C-alpha atoms as a PDB file:
ATOM      1  CA  MET A   1     293.759 214.373  46.369  1.00  0.00           C
ATOM      2  CA  LYS A   2     291.451 216.985  44.871  1.00  0.00           C
ATOM      3  CA  LYS A   3     288.970 214.256  44.014  1.00  0.00           C
ATOM      4  CA  ILE A   4     288.886 212.977  47.620  1.00  0.00           C
ATOM      5  CA  ILE A   5     288.384 216.477  49.009  1.00  0.00           C
ATOM      6  CA  SER A   6     285.600 217.224  46.524  1.00  0.00           C
ATOM      7  CA  HIS A   7     283.819 213.962  47.505  1.00  0.00           C
ATOM      8  CA  ILE A   8     284.113 214.819  51.186  1.00  0.00           C
ATOM      9  CA  LEU A   9     282.703 218.310  50.567  1.00  0.00           C
ATOM     10  CA  LEU A  10     279.883 216.843  48.505  1.00  0.00           C
ATOM     11  CA  VAL A  11     278.911 214.474  51.322  1.00  0.00           C
ATOM     12  CA  LEU A  12     279.095 217.243  53.923  1.00  0.00           C
ATOM     13  CA  CYS A  13     276.986 219.613  51.828  1.00  0.00           C
ATOM     14  CA  ALA A  14     274.375 216.992  50.947  1.00  0.00           C
ATOM     15  CA  GLY A  15     272.690 217.684  54.269  1.00  0.00           C
ATOM     16  CA  CYS A  16     272.097 221.260  53.151  1.00  0.00           C
ATOM     17  CA  PHE A  17     269.756 220.054  50.414  1.00  0.00           C
ATOM     18  CA  VAL A  18     267.733 217.678  52.573  1.00  0.00           C
ATOM     19  CA  SER A  19     264.751 219.380  54.166  1.00  0.00           C
ATOM     20  CA  ALA A  20     264.265 218.353  57.781  1.00  0.00           C
ATOM     21  CA  SER A  21     260.764 218.345  59.210  1.00  0.00           C
ATOM     22  CA  LYS A  22     260.060 221.045  61.763  1.00  0.00           C
ATOM     23  CA  VAL A  23     257.920 218.561  63.722  1.00  0.00           C
ATOM     24  CA  PRO A  24     259.753 215.205  63.607  1.00  0.00           C
ATOM     25  CA  THR A  25     258.236 213.979  66.895  1.00  0.00           C
ATOM     26  CA  CYS A  26     254.723 215.325  66.233  1.00  0.00           C
ATOM     27  CA  LYS A  27     255.329 218.100  68.750  1.00  0.00           C
ATOM     28  CA  CYS A  28     256.011 221.776  68.348  1.00  0.00           C
ATOM     29  CA  ASP A  29     257.213 223.812  71.318  1.00  0.00           C
ATOM     30  CA  GLY A  30     256.285 220.884  73.554  1.00  0.00           C
ATOM     31  CA  VAL A  31     252.665 220.750  72.326  1.00  0.00           C
ATOM     32  CA  ASP A  32     251.346 217.489  70.846  1.00  0.00           C
ATOM     33  CA  LEU A  33     250.077 218.189  67.342  1.00  0.00           C
ATOM     34  CA  HIS A  34     246.813 216.324  67.679  1.00  0.00           C
ATOM     35  CA  GLY A  35     243.614 217.264  69.396  1.00  0.00           C
ATOM     36  CA  LYS A  36     241.071 220.049  69.340  1.00  0.00           C
ATOM     37  CA  VAL A  37     242.169 223.008  67.231  1.00  0.00           C
ATOM     38  CA  LYS A  38     240.733 226.496  66.984  1.00  0.00           C
ATOM     39  CA  VAL A  39     241.515 228.739  63.997  1.00  0.00           C
ATOM     40  CA  VAL A  40     242.167 232.355  64.991  1.00  0.00           C
ATOM     41  CA  SER A  41     243.150 235.517  63.136  1.00  0.00           C
ATOM     42  CA  TYR A  42     245.952 236.583  65.476  1.00  0.00           C
ATOM     43  CA  ALA A  43     247.808 235.582  68.659  1.00  0.00           C
ATOM     44  CA  ALA A  44     247.807 231.898  67.693  1.00  0.00           C
ATOM     45  CA  ASP A  45     249.909 229.233  69.348  1.00  0.00           C
ATOM     46  CA  PHE A  46     251.185 228.247  65.879  1.00  0.00           C
ATOM     47  CA  LYS A  47     251.305 229.821  62.453  1.00  0.00           C
ATOM     48  CA  VAL A  48     250.775 227.178  59.760  1.00  0.00           C
ATOM     49  CA  LYS A  49     251.020 227.233  56.005  1.00  0.00           C
ATOM     50  CA  ILE A  50     249.005 224.850  53.835  1.00  0.00           C
ATOM     51  CA  VAL A  51     251.114 223.216  51.113  1.00  0.00           C
ATOM     52  CA  ASP A  52     250.437 220.625  48.424  1.00  0.00           C
ATOM     53  CA  TYR A  53     253.494 218.443  49.067  1.00  0.00           C
ATOM     54  CA  ALA A  54     256.501 218.006  51.364  1.00  0.00           C
ATOM     55  CA  ALA A  55     254.566 219.174  54.431  1.00  0.00           C
ATOM     56  CA  ASP A  56     256.001 218.967  57.922  1.00  0.00           C
ATOM     57  CA  LEU A  57     252.703 217.450  59.127  1.00  0.00           C
ATOM     58  CA  LYS A  58     249.919 215.619  57.310  1.00  0.00           C
ATOM     59  CA  VAL A  59     246.597 216.563  58.937  1.00  0.00           C
ATOM     60  CA  LYS A  60     243.392 214.523  58.928  1.00  0.00           C
ATOM     61  CA  MET A  61     240.242 216.335  60.031  1.00  0.00           C
ATOM     62  CA  VAL A  62     238.182 214.182  62.399  1.00  0.00           C
ATOM     63  CA  GLU A  63     234.891 214.750  64.184  1.00  0.00           C
ATOM     64  CA  TYR A  64     235.683 212.781  67.328  1.00  0.00           C
ATOM     65  CA  ALA A  65     238.660 211.464  69.308  1.00  0.00           C
ATOM     66  CA  PRO A  66     241.637 213.250  67.731  1.00  0.00           C
ATOM     67  CA  ASN A  67     244.155 211.047  69.554  1.00  0.00           C
ATOM     68  CA  ASP A  68     246.779 210.224  66.929  1.00  0.00           C
ATOM     69  CA  CYS A  69     249.495 212.404  65.449  1.00  0.00           C
ATOM     70  CA  GLY A  70     248.033 214.796  62.875  1.00  0.00           C
ATOM     71  CA  GLU A  71     244.389 214.179  63.752  1.00  0.00           C
ATOM     72  CA  TRP A  72     242.696 217.545  64.272  1.00  0.00           C
ATOM     73  CA  GLN A  73     239.159 218.288  65.387  1.00  0.00           C
ATOM     74  CA  PHE A  74     238.279 221.897  64.588  1.00  0.00           C
ATOM     75  CA  VAL A  75     236.328 223.542  67.416  1.00  0.00           C
ATOM     76  CA  GLN A  76     235.135 226.989  68.517  1.00  0.00           C
ATOM     77  CA  TYR A  77     235.963 226.539  72.216  1.00  0.00           C
ATOM     78  CA  ALA A  78     237.806 224.202  74.612  1.00  0.00           C
ATOM     79  CA  GLU A  79     240.716 223.912  72.195  1.00  0.00           C
ATOM     80  CA  ASP A  80     244.039 222.201  72.909  1.00  0.00           C
ATOM     81  CA  PHE A  81     245.869 224.778  70.774  1.00  0.00           C
ATOM     82  CA  THR A  82     245.177 227.549  68.280  1.00  0.00           C
ATOM     83  CA  ILE A  83     246.456 228.049  64.748  1.00  0.00           C
ATOM     84  CA  GLN A  84     246.603 230.901  62.295  1.00  0.00           C
ATOM     85  CA  PHE A  85     246.828 230.213  58.564  1.00  0.00           C
ATOM     86  CA  VAL A  86     249.642 232.238  56.972  1.00  0.00           C
ATOM     87  CA  GLU A  87     251.419 232.473  53.624  1.00  0.00           C
ATOM     88  CA  TYR A  88     254.876 233.079  55.115  1.00  0.00           C
ATOM     89  CA  GLY A  89     256.570 233.077  58.504  1.00  0.00           C
ATOM     90  CA  GLU A  90     255.046 229.737  59.454  1.00  0.00           C
ATOM     91  CA  ASP A  91     256.051 227.578  62.395  1.00  0.00           C
ATOM     92  CA  PHE A  92     255.406 224.490  60.275  1.00  0.00           C
ATOM     93  CA  THR A  93     253.617 223.430  57.082  1.00  0.00           C
ATOM     94  CA  ILE A  94     250.593 221.141  56.786  1.00  0.00           C
ATOM     95  CA  HIS A  95     248.879 219.134  54.085  1.00  0.00           C
ATOM     96  CA  PHE A  96     245.302 217.917  54.553  1.00  0.00           C
ATOM     97  CA  VAL A  97     244.864 214.181  53.918  1.00  0.00           C
ATOM     98  CA  GLU A  98     242.089 211.606  54.108  1.00  0.00           C
ATOM     99  CA  TYR A  99     244.382 208.774  55.269  1.00  0.00           C
ATOM    100  CA  ALA A 100     247.700 208.349  57.074  1.00  0.00           C
ATOM    101  CA  PRO A 101     248.052 211.603  59.029  1.00  0.00           C
ATOM    102  CA  GLY A 102     251.259 212.414  60.874  1.00  0.00           C
ATOM    103  CA  THR A 103     254.838 213.267  60.076  1.00  0.00           C
ATOM    104  CA  ARG A 104     256.616 212.044  56.988  1.00  0.00           C
END
């Protein structure tokens, strides 16, 4: 009986160790995470942290037509949303890529 209970607890707790993406649908707070992005120092729409692996969103920098999930065109004006780079307290994490942007 103890063995069955310990297996059940193990299965139930396994979810605690699996990191869920903060942006599974490529949206955050109802905003599509592609488009024209402006980097600001404060009062940003989103605080993002750059990581080397296990990012919530893989970002590809593009010069034109940022239409797919994770494609960002950095601009100075006429932005779709703003971001602030932070070390902690982020809304989601990003990793810059050359190919295959988007969520995991």
